[in-house]
Amino acid sequence: MHAYSGAPVEFFGLPMVFDLAGMVATTGTPILQQHNHEKIVALADKAVVDATGLYFEGYCYGTAAAKEVIDLAEADPPFPWQASMGVKPLE
């Protein structure tokens, strides 16, 4: 999952850019549908931050939410899923 590209995003109603060079990502990150803890899709067991963005890799579970995400991503045309991330600015 490409979680962040380095482009401006809206953060509490204001445009914000997060510095990829200072970003630290953790593994064991849950991937949820619509931020709902009852709609578990996957678990990221690898996190990578490089000059092109923040990426997560992991595995999907056999939940109804995971099936819906996968089915819509594989549809013709595919649904354009978007990711959002939780960020804790340190500075």
PDB file of N, CA and C in Angstrom:
ATOM      1  N   MET A   1       0.849  -1.162   0.000  1.00  0.00           N
ATOM      2  CA  MET A   1       0.000   0.000   0.000  1.00  0.00           C
ATOM      3  C   MET A   1       0.896   1.225   0.000  1.00  0.00           C
ATOM      4  N   HIS A   2       0.637   2.133  -0.898  1.00  0.00           N
ATOM      5  CA  HIS A   2       1.330   3.413  -0.931  1.00  0.00           C
ATOM      6  C   HIS A   2       0.512   4.350  -0.052  1.00  0.00           C
ATOM      7  N   ALA A   3       0.952   4.559   1.180  1.00  0.00           N
ATOM      8  CA  ALA A   3       0.173   5.297   2.161  1.00  0.00           C
ATOM      9  C   ALA A   3       0.343   6.806   2.076  1.00  0.00           C
ATOM     10  N   TYR A   4       1.501   7.265   1.587  1.00  0.00           N
ATOM     11  CA  TYR A   4       1.739   8.706   1.509  1.00  0.00           C
ATOM     12  C   TYR A   4       2.813   8.981   0.469  1.00  0.00           C
ATOM     13  N   SER A   5       2.582  10.010  -0.351  1.00  0.00           N
ATOM     14  CA  SER A   5       3.498  10.322  -1.450  1.00  0.00           C
ATOM     15  C   SER A   5       4.430  11.487  -1.163  1.00  0.00           C
ATOM     16  N   GLY A   6       4.169  12.228  -0.106  1.00  0.00           N
ATOM     17  CA  GLY A   6       4.930  13.441   0.159  1.00  0.00           C
ATOM     18  C   GLY A   6       4.198  14.687  -0.313  1.00  0.00           C
ATOM     19  N   ALA A   7       3.065  14.504  -0.987  1.00  0.00           N
ATOM     20  CA  ALA A   7       2.267  15.628  -1.473  1.00  0.00           C
ATOM     21  C   ALA A   7       1.454  16.244  -0.326  1.00  0.00           C
ATOM     22  N   PRO A   8       1.007  17.504  -0.493  1.00  0.00           N
ATOM     23  CA  PRO A   8       0.186  18.119   0.546  1.00  0.00           C
ATOM     24  C   PRO A   8      -1.103  17.328   0.798  1.00  0.00           C
ATOM     25  N   VAL A   9      -1.478  17.239   2.061  1.00  0.00           N
ATOM     26  CA  VAL A   9      -2.732  16.615   2.471  1.00  0.00           C
ATOM     27  C   VAL A   9      -3.447  17.579   3.413  1.00  0.00           C
ATOM     28  N   GLU A  10      -4.743  17.372   3.572  1.00  0.00           N
ATOM     29  CA  GLU A  10      -5.488  18.198   4.505  1.00  0.00           C
ATOM     30  C   GLU A  10      -5.358  17.601   5.894  1.00  0.00           C
ATOM     31  N   PHE A  11      -4.945  18.405   6.848  1.00  0.00           N
ATOM     32  CA  PHE A  11      -4.720  17.965   8.222  1.00  0.00           C
ATOM     33  C   PHE A  11      -5.422  18.964   9.122  1.00  0.00           C
ATOM     34  N   PHE A  12      -6.527  18.557   9.733  1.00  0.00           N
ATOM     35  CA  PHE A  12      -7.345  19.444  10.561  1.00  0.00           C
ATOM     36  C   PHE A  12      -7.751  20.699   9.795  1.00  0.00           C
ATOM     37  N   GLY A  13      -8.107  20.502   8.510  1.00  0.00           N
ATOM     38  CA  GLY A  13      -8.594  21.596   7.684  1.00  0.00           C
ATOM     39  C   GLY A  13      -7.525  22.464   7.057  1.00  0.00           C
ATOM     40  N   LEU A  14      -6.260  22.161   7.285  1.00  0.00           N
ATOM     41  CA  LEU A  14      -5.169  22.953   6.732  1.00  0.00           C
ATOM     42  C   LEU A  14      -4.278  22.094   5.849  1.00  0.00           C
ATOM     43  N   PRO A  15      -3.705  22.680   4.771  1.00  0.00           N
ATOM     44  CA  PRO A  15      -2.770  21.897   3.965  1.00  0.00           C
ATOM     45  C   PRO A  15      -1.494  21.628   4.756  1.00  0.00           C
ATOM     46  N   MET A  16      -1.018  20.398   4.684  1.00  0.00           N
ATOM     47  CA  MET A  16       0.155  20.002   5.458  1.00  0.00           C
ATOM     48  C   MET A  16       0.995  19.069   4.597  1.00  0.00           C
ATOM     49  N   VAL A  17       2.312  19.196   4.725  1.00  0.00           N
ATOM     50  CA  VAL A  17       3.241  18.293   4.065  1.00  0.00           C
ATOM     51  C   VAL A  17       4.110  17.674   5.155  1.00  0.00           C
ATOM     52  N   PHE A  18       4.256  16.369   5.127  1.00  0.00           N
ATOM     53  CA  PHE A  18       5.093  15.666   6.092  1.00  0.00           C
ATOM     54  C   PHE A  18       6.423  15.337   5.432  1.00  0.00           C
ATOM     55  N   ASP A  19       7.502  15.621   6.126  1.00  0.00           N
ATOM     56  CA  ASP A  19       8.848  15.414   5.614  1.00  0.00           C
ATOM     57  C   ASP A  19       9.176  13.921   5.606  1.00  0.00           C
ATOM     58  N   LEU A  20       9.276  13.345   4.417  1.00  0.00           N
ATOM     59  CA  LEU A  20       9.579  11.917   4.301  1.00  0.00           C
ATOM     60  C   LEU A  20      10.943  11.581   4.897  1.00  0.00           C
ATOM     61  N   ALA A  21      11.895  12.502   4.804  1.00  0.00           N
ATOM     62  CA  ALA A  21      13.243  12.236   5.314  1.00  0.00           C
ATOM     63  C   ALA A  21      13.246  12.043   6.825  1.00  0.00           C
ATOM     64  N   GLY A  22      12.300  12.650   7.520  1.00  0.00           N
ATOM     65  CA  GLY A  22      12.242  12.525   8.970  1.00  0.00           C
ATOM     66  C   GLY A  22      11.187  11.555   9.455  1.00  0.00           C
ATOM     67  N   MET A  23      10.517  10.880   8.525  1.00  0.00           N
ATOM     68  CA  MET A  23       9.417   9.999   8.883  1.00  0.00           C
ATOM     69  C   MET A  23       9.930   8.614   9.296  1.00  0.00           C
ATOM     70  N   VAL A  24       9.370   8.100  10.372  1.00  0.00           N
ATOM     71  CA  VAL A  24       9.684   6.751  10.835  1.00  0.00           C
ATOM     72  C   VAL A  24       8.389   5.954  10.823  1.00  0.00           C
ATOM     73  N   ALA A  25       8.395   4.814  10.167  1.00  0.00           N
ATOM     74  CA  ALA A  25       7.212   3.955  10.086  1.00  0.00           C
ATOM     75  C   ALA A  25       7.450   2.702  10.907  1.00  0.00           C
ATOM     76  N   THR A  26       6.382   2.187  11.487  1.00  0.00           N
ATOM     77  CA  THR A  26       6.495   0.984  12.303  1.00  0.00           C
ATOM     78  C   THR A  26       5.779  -0.185  11.647  1.00  0.00           C
ATOM     79  N   THR A  27       6.250  -1.384  11.943  1.00  0.00           N
ATOM     80  CA  THR A  27       5.566  -2.584  11.463  1.00  0.00           C
ATOM     81  C   THR A  27       4.486  -2.956  12.468  1.00  0.00           C
ATOM     82  N   GLY A  28       3.664  -3.891  12.092  1.00  0.00           N
ATOM     83  CA  GLY A  28       2.555  -4.287  12.952  1.00  0.00           C
ATOM     84  C   GLY A  28       1.400  -3.301  12.891  1.00  0.00           C
ATOM     85  N   THR A  29       1.329  -2.536  11.797  1.00  0.00           N
ATOM     86  CA  THR A  29       0.288  -1.528  11.622  1.00  0.00           C
ATOM     87  C   THR A  29      -0.980  -2.174  11.079  1.00  0.00           C
ATOM     88  N   PRO A  30      -2.110  -2.028  11.774  1.00  0.00           N
ATOM     89  CA  PRO A  30      -3.359  -2.583  11.248  1.00  0.00           C
ATOM     90  C   PRO A  30      -3.866  -1.767  10.058  1.00  0.00           C
ATOM     91  N   ILE A  31      -4.412  -2.455   9.081  1.00  0.00           N
ATOM     92  CA  ILE A  31      -5.031  -1.817   7.922  1.00  0.00           C
ATOM     93  C   ILE A  31      -6.535  -2.032   8.085  1.00  0.00           C
ATOM     94  N   LEU A  32      -7.259  -0.940   8.258  1.00  0.00           N
ATOM     95  CA  LEU A  32      -8.689  -0.992   8.550  1.00  0.00           C
ATOM     96  C   LEU A  32      -9.479  -0.352   7.422  1.00  0.00           C
ATOM     97  N   GLN A  33     -10.700  -0.805   7.238  1.00  0.00           N
ATOM     98  CA  GLN A  33     -11.592  -0.183   6.265  1.00  0.00           C
ATOM     99  C   GLN A  33     -12.334   0.944   6.976  1.00  0.00           C
ATOM    100  N   GLN A  34     -12.228   2.139   6.434  1.00  0.00           N
ATOM    101  CA  GLN A  34     -12.914   3.335   6.959  1.00  0.00           C
ATOM    102  C   GLN A  34     -12.555   3.632   8.411  1.00  0.00           C
ATOM    103  N   HIS A  35     -11.344   3.323   8.849  1.00  0.00           N
ATOM    104  CA  HIS A  35     -10.873   3.584  10.218  1.00  0.00           C
ATOM    105  C   HIS A  35     -11.669   2.819  11.272  1.00  0.00           C
ATOM    106  N   ASN A  36     -12.396   1.809  10.841  1.00  0.00           N
ATOM    107  CA  ASN A  36     -13.277   1.056  11.735  1.00  0.00           C
ATOM    108  C   ASN A  36     -12.533  -0.176  12.255  1.00  0.00           C
ATOM    109  N   HIS A  37     -12.324  -0.238  13.568  1.00  0.00           N
ATOM    110  CA  HIS A  37     -11.587  -1.354  14.167  1.00  0.00           C
ATOM    111  C   HIS A  37     -12.334  -2.682  14.074  1.00  0.00           C
ATOM    112  N   GLU A  38     -13.598  -2.648  13.677  1.00  0.00           N
ATOM    113  CA  GLU A  38     -14.360  -3.877  13.458  1.00  0.00           C
ATOM    114  C   GLU A  38     -14.274  -4.346  12.010  1.00  0.00           C
ATOM    115  N   LYS A  39     -13.629  -3.552  11.143  1.00  0.00           N
ATOM    116  CA  LYS A  39     -13.491  -3.899   9.722  1.00  0.00           C
ATOM    117  C   LYS A  39     -12.012  -4.083   9.393  1.00  0.00           C
ATOM    118  N   ILE A  40     -11.440  -5.155   9.924  1.00  0.00           N
ATOM    119  CA  ILE A  40     -10.030  -5.451   9.735  1.00  0.00           C
ATOM    120  C   ILE A  40      -9.807  -5.982   8.319  1.00  0.00           C
ATOM    121  N   VAL A  41      -8.841  -5.387   7.634  1.00  0.00           N
ATOM    122  CA  VAL A  41      -8.496  -5.800   6.278  1.00  0.00           C
ATOM    123  C   VAL A  41      -7.171  -6.552   6.270  1.00  0.00           C
ATOM    124  N   ALA A  42      -6.149  -5.975   6.898  1.00  0.00           N
ATOM    125  CA  ALA A  42      -4.812  -6.551   6.802  1.00  0.00           C
ATOM    126  C   ALA A  42      -3.948  -6.108   7.974  1.00  0.00           C
ATOM    127  N   LEU A  43      -2.742  -6.660   7.997  1.00  0.00           N
ATOM    128  CA  LEU A  43      -1.731  -6.248   8.961  1.00  0.00           C
ATOM    129  C   LEU A  43      -0.442  -6.008   8.189  1.00  0.00           C
ATOM    130  N   ALA A  44       0.129  -4.813   8.341  1.00  0.00           N
ATOM    131  CA  ALA A  44       1.384  -4.483   7.672  1.00  0.00           C
ATOM    132  C   ALA A  44       2.535  -5.038   8.496  1.00  0.00           C
ATOM    133  N   ASP A  45       3.316  -5.915   7.891  1.00  0.00           N
ATOM    134  CA  ASP A  45       4.466  -6.462   8.598  1.00  0.00           C
ATOM    135  C   ASP A  45       5.777  -5.911   8.059  1.00  0.00           C
ATOM    136  N   LYS A  46       5.681  -4.962   7.099  1.00  0.00           N
ATOM    137  CA  LYS A  46       6.863  -4.282   6.584  1.00  0.00           C
ATOM    138  C   LYS A  46       6.485  -2.840   6.273  1.00  0.00           C
ATOM    139  N   ALA A  47       7.304  -1.907   6.725  1.00  0.00           N
ATOM    140  CA  ALA A  47       7.100  -0.488   6.449  1.00  0.00           C
ATOM    141  C   ALA A  47       8.367   0.065   5.820  1.00  0.00           C
ATOM    142  N   VAL A  48       8.198   0.837   4.745  1.00  0.00           N
ATOM    143  CA  VAL A  48       9.339   1.416   4.041  1.00  0.00           C
ATOM    144  C   VAL A  48       9.056   2.893   3.792  1.00  0.00           C
ATOM    145  N   VAL A  49      10.030   3.725   4.113  1.00  0.00           N
ATOM    146  CA  VAL A  49       9.967   5.146   3.782  1.00  0.00           C
ATOM    147  C   VAL A  49      11.171   5.435   2.891  1.00  0.00           C
ATOM    148  N   ASP A  50      10.891   5.981   1.697  1.00  0.00           N
ATOM    149  CA  ASP A  50      11.977   6.391   0.822  1.00  0.00           C
ATOM    150  C   ASP A  50      11.605   7.721   0.180  1.00  0.00           C
ATOM    151  N   ALA A  51      12.362   8.169  -0.796  1.00  0.00           N
ATOM    152  CA  ALA A  51      12.135   9.471  -1.413  1.00  0.00           C
ATOM    153  C   ALA A  51      10.802   9.567  -2.143  1.00  0.00           C
ATOM    154  N   THR A  52      10.181   8.428  -2.471  1.00  0.00           N
ATOM    155  CA  THR A  52       8.909   8.445  -3.204  1.00  0.00           C
ATOM    156  C   THR A  52       7.701   8.285  -2.307  1.00  0.00           C
ATOM    157  N   GLY A  53       7.903   7.992  -1.020  1.00  0.00           N
ATOM    158  CA  GLY A  53       6.748   7.909  -0.143  1.00  0.00           C
ATOM    159  C   GLY A  53       6.878   6.901   0.972  1.00  0.00           C
ATOM    160  N   LEU A  54       5.751   6.692   1.614  1.00  0.00           N
ATOM    161  CA  LEU A  54       5.597   5.736   2.708  1.00  0.00           C
ATOM    162  C   LEU A  54       4.812   4.548   2.178  1.00  0.00           C
ATOM    163  N   TYR A  55       5.368   3.352   2.354  1.00  0.00           N
ATOM    164  CA  TYR A  55       4.753   2.127   1.846  1.00  0.00           C
ATOM    165  C   TYR A  55       4.614   1.097   2.961  1.00  0.00           C
ATOM    166  N   PHE A  56       3.546   0.321   2.883  1.00  0.00           N
ATOM    167  CA  PHE A  56       3.354  -0.796   3.793  1.00  0.00           C
ATOM    168  C   PHE A  56       3.134  -2.060   2.980  1.00  0.00           C
ATOM    169  N   GLU A  57       3.688  -3.161   3.453  1.00  0.00           N
ATOM    170  CA  GLU A  57       3.436  -4.479   2.882  1.00  0.00           C
ATOM    171  C   GLU A  57       2.948  -5.372   4.007  1.00  0.00           C
ATOM    172  N   GLY A  58       2.116  -6.330   3.670  1.00  0.00           N
ATOM    173  CA  GLY A  58       1.611  -7.236   4.691  1.00  0.00           C
ATOM    174  C   GLY A  58       0.715  -8.284   4.090  1.00  0.00           C
ATOM    175  N   TYR A  59      -0.199  -8.743   4.882  1.00  0.00           N
ATOM    176  CA  TYR A  59      -1.086  -9.812   4.424  1.00  0.00           C
ATOM    177  C   TYR A  59      -2.517  -9.493   4.817  1.00  0.00           C
ATOM    178  N   CYS A  60      -3.438  -9.910   3.940  1.00  0.00           N
ATOM    179  CA  CYS A  60      -4.868  -9.707   4.169  1.00  0.00           C
ATOM    180  C   CYS A  60      -5.428 -10.883   4.950  1.00  0.00           C
ATOM    181  N   TYR A  61      -6.442 -10.588   5.725  1.00  0.00           N
ATOM    182  CA  TYR A  61      -7.163 -11.623   6.462  1.00  0.00           C
ATOM    183  C   TYR A  61      -8.387 -12.055   5.662  1.00  0.00           C
ATOM    184  N   GLY A  62      -9.029 -13.092   6.092  1.00  0.00           N
ATOM    185  CA  GLY A  62     -10.210 -13.610   5.399  1.00  0.00           C
ATOM    186  C   GLY A  62     -11.501 -12.978   5.894  1.00  0.00           C
ATOM    187  N   THR A  63     -11.455 -11.711   6.250  1.00  0.00           N
ATOM    188  CA  THR A  63     -12.641 -11.037   6.771  1.00  0.00           C
ATOM    189  C   THR A  63     -13.516 -10.530   5.630  1.00  0.00           C
ATOM    190  N   ALA A  64     -14.756 -10.186   5.966  1.00  0.00           N
ATOM    191  CA  ALA A  64     -15.665  -9.620   4.966  1.00  0.00           C
ATOM    192  C   ALA A  64     -15.119  -8.293   4.450  1.00  0.00           C
ATOM    193  N   ALA A  65     -14.516  -7.495   5.326  1.00  0.00           N
ATOM    194  CA  ALA A  65     -13.948  -6.209   4.905  1.00  0.00           C
ATOM    195  C   ALA A  65     -12.800  -6.425   3.928  1.00  0.00           C
ATOM    196  N   ALA A  66     -11.927  -7.386   4.210  1.00  0.00           N
ATOM    197  CA  ALA A  66     -10.803  -7.674   3.313  1.00  0.00           C
ATOM    198  C   ALA A  66     -11.318  -8.146   1.961  1.00  0.00           C
ATOM    199  N   LYS A  67     -12.321  -9.027   1.974  1.00  0.00           N
ATOM    200  CA  LYS A  67     -12.875  -9.526   0.716  1.00  0.00           C
ATOM    201  C   LYS A  67     -13.463  -8.385  -0.106  1.00  0.00           C
ATOM    202  N   GLU A  68     -14.167  -7.468   0.551  1.00  0.00           N
ATOM    203  CA  GLU A  68     -14.750  -6.332  -0.164  1.00  0.00           C
ATOM    204  C   GLU A  68     -13.659  -5.449  -0.776  1.00  0.00           C
ATOM    205  N   VAL A  69     -12.624  -5.143  -0.020  1.00  0.00           N
ATOM    206  CA  VAL A  69     -11.532  -4.308  -0.523  1.00  0.00           C
ATOM    207  C   VAL A  69     -10.864  -4.972  -1.716  1.00  0.00           C
ATOM    208  N   ILE A  70     -10.551  -6.249  -1.598  1.00  0.00           N
ATOM    209  CA  ILE A  70      -9.882  -6.975  -2.686  1.00  0.00           C
ATOM    210  C   ILE A  70     -10.787  -7.074  -3.910  1.00  0.00           C
ATOM    211  N   ASP A  71     -12.056  -7.450  -3.706  1.00  0.00           N
ATOM    212  CA  ASP A  71     -12.983  -7.588  -4.841  1.00  0.00           C
ATOM    213  C   ASP A  71     -13.132  -6.275  -5.604  1.00  0.00           C
ATOM    214  N   LEU A  72     -13.277  -5.166  -4.883  1.00  0.00           N
ATOM    215  CA  LEU A  72     -13.433  -3.873  -5.552  1.00  0.00           C
ATOM    216  C   LEU A  72     -12.131  -3.418  -6.216  1.00  0.00           C
ATOM    217  N   ALA A  73     -10.995  -3.743  -5.626  1.00  0.00           N
ATOM    218  CA  ALA A  73      -9.707  -3.389  -6.230  1.00  0.00           C
ATOM    219  C   ALA A  73      -9.469  -4.176  -7.520  1.00  0.00           C
ATOM    220  N   GLU A  74     -10.030  -5.387  -7.600  1.00  0.00           N
ATOM    221  CA  GLU A  74      -9.857  -6.233  -8.779  1.00  0.00           C
ATOM    222  C   GLU A  74     -11.000  -6.099  -9.787  1.00  0.00           C
ATOM    223  N   ALA A  75     -11.990  -5.252  -9.490  1.00  0.00           N
ATOM    224  CA  ALA A  75     -13.141  -5.062 -10.384  1.00  0.00           C
ATOM    225  C   ALA A  75     -12.694  -4.366 -11.670  1.00  0.00           C
ATOM    226  N   ASP A  76     -13.567  -4.375 -12.660  1.00  0.00           N
ATOM    227  CA  ASP A  76     -13.289  -3.709 -13.922  1.00  0.00           C
ATOM    228  C   ASP A  76     -14.363  -2.654 -14.167  1.00  0.00           C
ATOM    229  N   PRO A  77     -14.101  -1.397 -13.973  1.00  0.00           N
ATOM    230  CA  PRO A  77     -12.825  -0.801 -13.579  1.00  0.00           C
ATOM    231  C   PRO A  77     -12.590  -0.950 -12.078  1.00  0.00           C
ATOM    232  N   PRO A  78     -11.322  -0.946 -11.666  1.00  0.00           N
ATOM    233  CA  PRO A  78     -11.027  -1.096 -10.239  1.00  0.00           C
ATOM    234  C   PRO A  78     -11.453   0.133  -9.440  1.00  0.00           C
ATOM    235  N   PHE A  79     -11.899  -0.104  -8.228  1.00  0.00           N
ATOM    236  CA  PHE A  79     -12.247   1.000  -7.345  1.00  0.00           C
ATOM    237  C   PHE A  79     -10.951   1.686  -6.898  1.00  0.00           C
ATOM    238  N   PRO A  80     -10.904   3.025  -6.943  1.00  0.00           N
ATOM    239  CA  PRO A  80      -9.664   3.739  -6.592  1.00  0.00           C
ATOM    240  C   PRO A  80      -9.530   3.949  -5.082  1.00  0.00           C
ATOM    241  N   TRP A  81      -9.212   2.885  -4.362  1.00  0.00           N
ATOM    242  CA  TRP A  81      -9.052   2.985  -2.914  1.00  0.00           C
ATOM    243  C   TRP A  81      -8.005   4.033  -2.567  1.00  0.00           C
ATOM    244  N   GLN A  82      -8.202   4.704  -1.454  1.00  0.00           N
ATOM    245  CA  GLN A  82      -7.224   5.648  -0.933  1.00  0.00           C
ATOM    246  C   GLN A  82      -6.860   5.234   0.475  1.00  0.00           C
ATOM    247  N   ALA A  83      -5.658   5.544   0.874  1.00  0.00           N
ATOM    248  CA  ALA A  83      -5.206   5.239   2.222  1.00  0.00           C
ATOM    249  C   ALA A  83      -5.081   6.538   3.016  1.00  0.00           C
ATOM    250  N   SER A  84      -5.319   6.453   4.292  1.00  0.00           N
ATOM    251  CA  SER A  84      -5.013   7.564   5.182  1.00  0.00           C
ATOM    252  C   SER A  84      -4.134   7.009   6.290  1.00  0.00           C
ATOM    253  N   MET A  85      -3.397   7.879   6.899  1.00  0.00           N
ATOM    254  CA  MET A  85      -2.420   7.415   7.877  1.00  0.00           C
ATOM    255  C   MET A  85      -2.502   8.259   9.138  1.00  0.00           C
ATOM    256  N   GLY A  86      -2.096   7.666  10.215  1.00  0.00           N
ATOM    257  CA  GLY A  86      -1.974   8.410  11.460  1.00  0.00           C
ATOM    258  C   GLY A  86      -0.544   8.897  11.598  1.00  0.00           C
ATOM    259  N   VAL A  87      -0.382  10.169  11.836  1.00  0.00           N
ATOM    260  CA  VAL A  87       0.944  10.752  11.957  1.00  0.00           C
ATOM    261  C   VAL A  87       1.020  11.530  13.260  1.00  0.00           C
ATOM    262  N   LYS A  88       2.117  11.364  13.966  1.00  0.00           N
ATOM    263  CA  LYS A  88       2.376  12.130  15.179  1.00  0.00           C
ATOM    264  C   LYS A  88       3.569  13.030  14.927  1.00  0.00           C
ATOM    265  N   PRO A  89       3.306  14.300  14.569  1.00  0.00           N
ATOM    266  CA  PRO A  89       4.426  15.210  14.319  1.00  0.00           C
ATOM    267  C   PRO A  89       5.281  15.387  15.572  1.00  0.00           C
ATOM    268  N   LEU A  90       6.590  15.299  15.391  1.00  0.00           N
ATOM    269  CA  LEU A  90       7.524  15.474  16.493  1.00  0.00           C
ATOM    270  C   LEU A  90       8.041  16.903  16.577  1.00  0.00           C
ATOM    271  N   GLU A  91       7.972  17.606  15.446  1.00  0.00           N
ATOM    272  CA  GLU A  91       8.389  19.007  15.414  1.00  0.00           C
ATOM    273  C   GLU A  91       7.373  19.818  14.647  1.00  0.00           C
TER     274      GLU A  91
END
